Amino acid sequence: MDHHRRDGLGRRDASRFTPRMVFGLAVMAVGLLLLLDNAGLVDARDYWRWWPVLLIAVGLAKVVEAPGGAPRGGLGLALVGALLLLSNLGLLRFRQVWPILLLLVGGSLVWRSFARPRYAGTPSGSSSTLSVFAMMGGVSRGTNTDDFQRGDATAIMGACEVDLRQASMKGSEAVFDTFTFWGGVEIRVPEDWAVENRGLALLGGIVDKTRRPSDAKKQLVLTGLAIMGGVEVKN
């Protein structure tokens, strides 16, 4: 007799190292620390400098949870936490943290420009891709290709509107990469596409408002980074 509980998809319901669990444990730790401080047993101020450990733990949890080997977002969050922790411990000056972060963000953008994904069995062409860039302004663009493979949108103090509702896929998966810095990206997708969010938000948000189809055969994988900005996907 199988004593393990299973969910509706037939998978075993086991405890997992997830970002939600890490955040819950962190809230409990803060509550315990404040309780001990009120009781006069510890001085909470001695422990606040360790708060970046939470970012590191959440980042590592995202790495563990990432499906199919897409851990970059979690690694980025863990790296930011490590830099802030080194600064709090006096091993790295705070004014050195921002230049390092800028180098990492810039390097990530350059890397994404050269390391575009290729899909076996489908030739790459301009009709299968879409690239949108907005800086201190707004850009609206769409496509009706029947072979959408990949796209990217960059919004720096601006806004990008991407309409994919008239597009289709010959394969089962396409990738859309986003980068926002004090800006926003809005992506509209067809009703029969499922969206998988693998992006990372730092002081920003990446929101999936689509109505997920019950029998999705097409999937749009959303990757990228939102820094003090937002990405919204909807039908």
Protein backbone atom coordinates (compact mmCIF):
# COMPACT_ATOMS: atom_id res chain seq x y z
CA MET A 1 0.00 0.00 0.00
CA ASP A 2 1.39 3.39 -0.94
CA HIS A 3 1.32 5.66 2.11
CA HIS A 4 2.61 8.69 0.20
CA ARG A 5 0.00 11.23 -0.78
CA ARG A 6 -0.25 12.22 -4.43
CA ASP A 7 -1.58 15.37 -6.05
CA GLY A 8 -4.09 15.60 -8.91
CA LEU A 9 -1.35 15.00 -11.49
CA GLY A 10 -0.23 11.74 -9.89
CA ARG A 11 3.03 13.12 -8.50
CA ARG A 12 4.15 12.42 -4.97
CA ASP A 13 3.35 15.25 -2.54
CA ALA A 14 6.70 15.75 -0.84
CA SER A 15 8.23 18.66 1.02
CA ARG A 16 10.35 20.83 -1.26
CA PHE A 17 12.95 23.55 -0.74
CA THR A 18 10.94 26.39 -2.25
CA PRO A 19 11.20 30.22 -2.08
CA ARG A 20 7.88 30.32 -0.20
CA MET A 21 9.21 27.96 2.46
CA VAL A 22 12.42 29.98 2.81
CA PHE A 23 10.48 33.22 3.21
CA GLY A 24 8.21 31.61 5.80
CA LEU A 25 11.21 30.42 7.81
CA ALA A 26 12.72 33.91 7.57
CA VAL A 27 9.53 35.50 8.94
CA MET A 28 9.57 33.02 11.81
CA ALA A 29 13.24 33.80 12.50
CA VAL A 30 12.54 37.56 12.59
CA GLY A 31 9.64 36.98 14.97
CA LEU A 32 11.81 34.86 17.26
CA LEU A 33 14.60 37.44 17.15
CA LEU A 34 12.23 40.28 18.12
CA LEU A 35 10.75 38.14 20.90
CA LEU A 36 14.21 37.42 22.36
CA ASP A 37 15.13 41.11 21.99
CA ASN A 38 12.01 42.16 23.92
CA ALA A 39 12.92 39.65 26.62
CA GLY A 40 16.39 41.21 26.90
CA LEU A 41 18.15 37.99 25.94
CA VAL A 42 19.73 39.27 22.70
CA ASP A 43 20.28 42.57 20.91
CA ALA A 44 18.46 42.33 17.57
CA ARG A 45 20.64 45.07 16.05
CA ASP A 46 23.60 42.68 16.09
CA TYR A 47 21.82 40.38 13.63
CA TRP A 48 20.25 42.75 11.09
CA ARG A 49 23.43 42.89 9.02
CA TRP A 50 22.83 39.25 8.09
CA TRP A 51 19.53 39.95 6.31
CA PRO A 52 21.08 39.42 2.78
CA VAL A 53 21.32 35.73 3.70
CA LEU A 54 17.59 35.66 2.98
CA LEU A 55 18.24 36.74 -0.63
CA ILE A 56 20.89 34.06 -0.97
CA ALA A 57 18.58 31.37 0.39
CA VAL A 58 15.65 32.41 -1.81
CA GLY A 59 17.96 32.49 -4.84
CA LEU A 60 19.26 29.00 -4.12
CA ALA A 61 15.69 27.80 -3.62
CA LYS A 62 14.78 29.17 -7.07
CA VAL A 63 17.76 27.29 -8.52
CA VAL A 64 16.59 24.02 -6.96
CA GLU A 65 13.01 24.63 -8.06
CA ALA A 66 13.87 25.76 -11.61
CA PRO A 67 12.53 23.24 -14.18
CA GLY A 68 14.66 21.97 -17.01
CA GLY A 69 17.83 23.69 -15.89
CA ALA A 70 16.93 27.40 -15.99
CA PRO A 71 18.64 28.59 -12.79
CA ARG A 72 19.98 31.98 -13.95
CA GLY A 73 17.35 34.04 -12.13
CA GLY A 74 18.01 32.31 -8.83
CA LEU A 75 21.75 32.57 -9.25
CA GLY A 76 21.42 36.30 -9.92
CA LEU A 77 19.41 36.84 -6.76
CA ALA A 78 21.88 34.79 -4.72
CA LEU A 79 24.77 36.83 -6.15
CA VAL A 80 23.08 40.12 -5.22
CA GLY A 81 22.56 38.80 -1.71
CA ALA A 82 26.21 37.76 -1.48
CA LEU A 83 27.40 41.23 -2.53
CA LEU A 84 25.14 42.95 0.01
CA LEU A 85 26.26 40.54 2.73
CA LEU A 86 29.93 41.25 2.00
CA SER A 87 29.14 44.96 2.22
CA ASN A 88 27.35 44.58 5.56
CA LEU A 89 30.27 42.57 6.96
CA GLY A 90 32.75 45.26 5.91
CA LEU A 91 34.51 43.03 3.38
CA LEU A 92 33.27 45.12 0.47
CA ARG A 93 32.49 48.82 0.41
CA PHE A 94 28.90 49.68 -0.45
CA ARG A 95 30.02 52.09 -3.16
CA GLN A 96 31.73 49.13 -4.85
CA VAL A 97 28.54 47.05 -4.91
CA TRP A 98 26.68 49.17 -7.49
CA PRO A 99 29.49 49.19 -10.09
CA ILE A 100 29.73 45.41 -9.78
CA LEU A 101 25.96 45.06 -10.20
CA LEU A 102 26.03 47.35 -13.25
CA LEU A 103 28.82 45.27 -14.78
CA LEU A 104 26.85 42.08 -14.16
CA VAL A 105 23.60 43.47 -15.60
CA GLY A 106 25.38 44.91 -18.64
CA GLY A 107 27.28 41.68 -19.17
CA SER A 108 24.04 39.72 -18.95
CA LEU A 109 22.45 41.89 -21.66
CA VAL A 110 25.48 41.49 -23.94
CA TRP A 111 25.55 37.73 -23.33
CA ARG A 112 21.86 37.39 -24.20
CA SER A 113 22.47 39.29 -27.44
CA PHE A 114 25.10 36.77 -28.56
CA ALA A 115 23.72 33.61 -26.97
CA ARG A 116 20.33 33.46 -28.67
CA PRO A 117 18.64 30.05 -28.49
CA ARG A 118 18.42 27.88 -31.58
CA TYR A 119 15.67 25.37 -32.24
CA ALA A 120 16.37 22.10 -33.94
CA GLY A 121 14.43 21.38 -37.08
CA THR A 122 13.25 24.96 -37.64
CA PRO A 123 15.32 27.43 -39.62
CA SER A 124 15.96 30.78 -37.99
CA GLY A 125 14.64 33.80 -39.83
CA SER A 126 13.38 37.29 -39.21
CA SER A 127 9.75 36.18 -39.44
CA SER A 128 10.17 33.79 -36.50
CA THR A 129 11.67 36.39 -34.16
CA LEU A 130 10.63 39.71 -32.68
CA SER A 131 12.82 42.31 -30.99
CA VAL A 132 11.54 45.45 -29.28
CA PHE A 133 13.57 48.23 -27.63
CA ALA A 134 12.27 51.33 -25.85
CA MET A 135 14.28 53.97 -24.00
CA MET A 136 12.54 57.00 -22.50
CA GLY A 137 9.59 56.39 -24.80
CA GLY A 138 7.06 53.83 -25.92
CA VAL A 139 7.10 51.18 -28.65
CA SER A 140 4.23 48.94 -29.79
CA ARG A 141 4.89 45.97 -32.04
CA GLY A 142 3.33 42.66 -33.03
CA THR A 143 3.65 39.74 -35.43
CA ASN A 144 1.36 37.29 -37.24
CA THR A 145 4.02 34.71 -38.04
CA ASP A 146 2.94 31.06 -37.96
CA ASP A 147 6.42 30.01 -36.77
CA PHE A 148 7.21 32.13 -33.72
CA GLN A 149 10.39 30.92 -32.01
CA ARG A 150 11.78 33.67 -29.84
CA GLY A 151 11.52 37.32 -28.94
CA ASP A 152 12.97 39.93 -26.67
CA ALA A 153 11.88 43.27 -25.26
CA THR A 154 14.00 45.88 -23.48
CA ALA A 155 12.39 48.83 -21.70
CA ILE A 156 14.67 51.41 -20.07
CA MET A 157 12.61 54.23 -18.56
CA GLY A 158 10.08 53.44 -21.26
CA ALA A 159 7.36 50.99 -22.26
CA CYS A 160 7.08 48.13 -24.75
CA GLU A 161 3.78 46.67 -25.94
CA VAL A 162 4.10 43.31 -27.70
CA ASP A 163 1.11 41.67 -29.41
CA LEU A 164 1.51 37.96 -30.21
CA ARG A 165 -2.22 37.15 -30.39
CA GLN A 166 -2.08 36.65 -34.16
CA ALA A 167 1.07 34.51 -34.00
CA SER A 168 1.40 30.73 -33.83
CA MET A 169 4.10 28.12 -33.27
CA LYS A 170 5.16 25.16 -35.36
CA GLY A 171 7.03 23.77 -32.39
CA SER A 172 5.77 23.27 -28.86
CA GLU A 173 7.83 25.98 -27.17
CA ALA A 174 9.08 29.51 -27.75
CA VAL A 175 11.15 31.82 -25.55
CA PHE A 176 10.60 35.51 -24.84
CA ASP A 177 13.33 37.37 -22.95
CA THR A 178 12.64 40.68 -21.21
CA PHE A 179 14.67 43.36 -19.49
CA THR A 180 13.15 46.34 -17.71
CA PHE A 181 14.82 49.14 -15.78
CA TRP A 182 12.38 51.78 -14.55
CA GLY A 183 10.14 50.67 -17.38
CA GLY A 184 7.46 48.19 -18.32
CA VAL A 185 6.75 45.44 -20.85
CA GLU A 186 3.26 44.21 -21.72
CA ILE A 187 2.93 40.99 -23.74
CA ARG A 188 -0.35 39.67 -25.16
CA VAL A 189 -0.46 36.00 -26.12
CA PRO A 190 -3.04 33.71 -27.79
CA GLU A 191 -5.64 31.91 -25.68
CA ASP A 192 -4.14 28.48 -26.42
CA TRP A 193 -0.63 29.37 -25.19
CA ALA A 194 0.54 28.49 -21.70
CA VAL A 195 3.10 30.77 -20.05
CA GLU A 196 5.98 29.58 -17.89
CA ASN A 197 7.60 32.38 -15.91
CA ARG A 198 11.34 31.92 -15.35
CA GLY A 199 12.15 35.62 -14.96
CA LEU A 200 13.68 37.41 -11.98
CA ALA A 201 12.30 40.60 -10.43
CA LEU A 202 14.40 42.92 -8.25
CA LEU A 203 12.29 45.70 -6.71
CA GLY A 204 9.88 45.04 -9.57
CA GLY A 205 7.37 42.47 -10.71
CA ILE A 206 6.69 39.85 -13.38
CA VAL A 207 3.00 38.98 -13.54
CA ASP A 208 1.21 36.29 -15.54
CA LYS A 209 -2.47 37.20 -15.99
CA THR A 210 -3.24 34.74 -18.77
CA ARG A 211 -6.04 32.21 -18.65
CA ARG A 212 -4.09 28.96 -18.76
CA PRO A 213 -5.67 26.49 -21.21
CA SER A 214 -6.65 23.11 -19.83
CA ASP A 215 -4.85 21.21 -22.61
CA ALA A 216 -1.94 23.47 -23.56
CA LYS A 217 0.23 22.23 -26.42
CA LYS A 218 2.04 25.53 -26.98
CA GLN A 219 4.20 27.12 -24.30
CA LEU A 220 5.86 30.53 -24.07
CA VAL A 221 8.82 30.51 -21.69
CA LEU A 222 9.32 33.96 -20.16
CA THR A 223 12.86 34.79 -19.08
CA GLY A 224 14.68 37.97 -18.16
CA LEU A 225 15.15 40.56 -15.44
CA ALA A 226 12.90 43.32 -14.07
CA ILE A 227 14.74 45.97 -12.03
CA MET A 228 12.40 48.55 -10.51
CA GLY A 229 10.10 47.79 -13.42
CA GLY A 230 7.39 45.41 -14.44
CA VAL A 231 6.47 42.73 -16.97
CA GLU A 232 2.86 41.72 -17.53
CA VAL A 233 1.61 38.87 -19.73
CA LYS A 234 -2.08 38.55 -20.60
CA ASN A 235 -4.44 37.34 -23.32
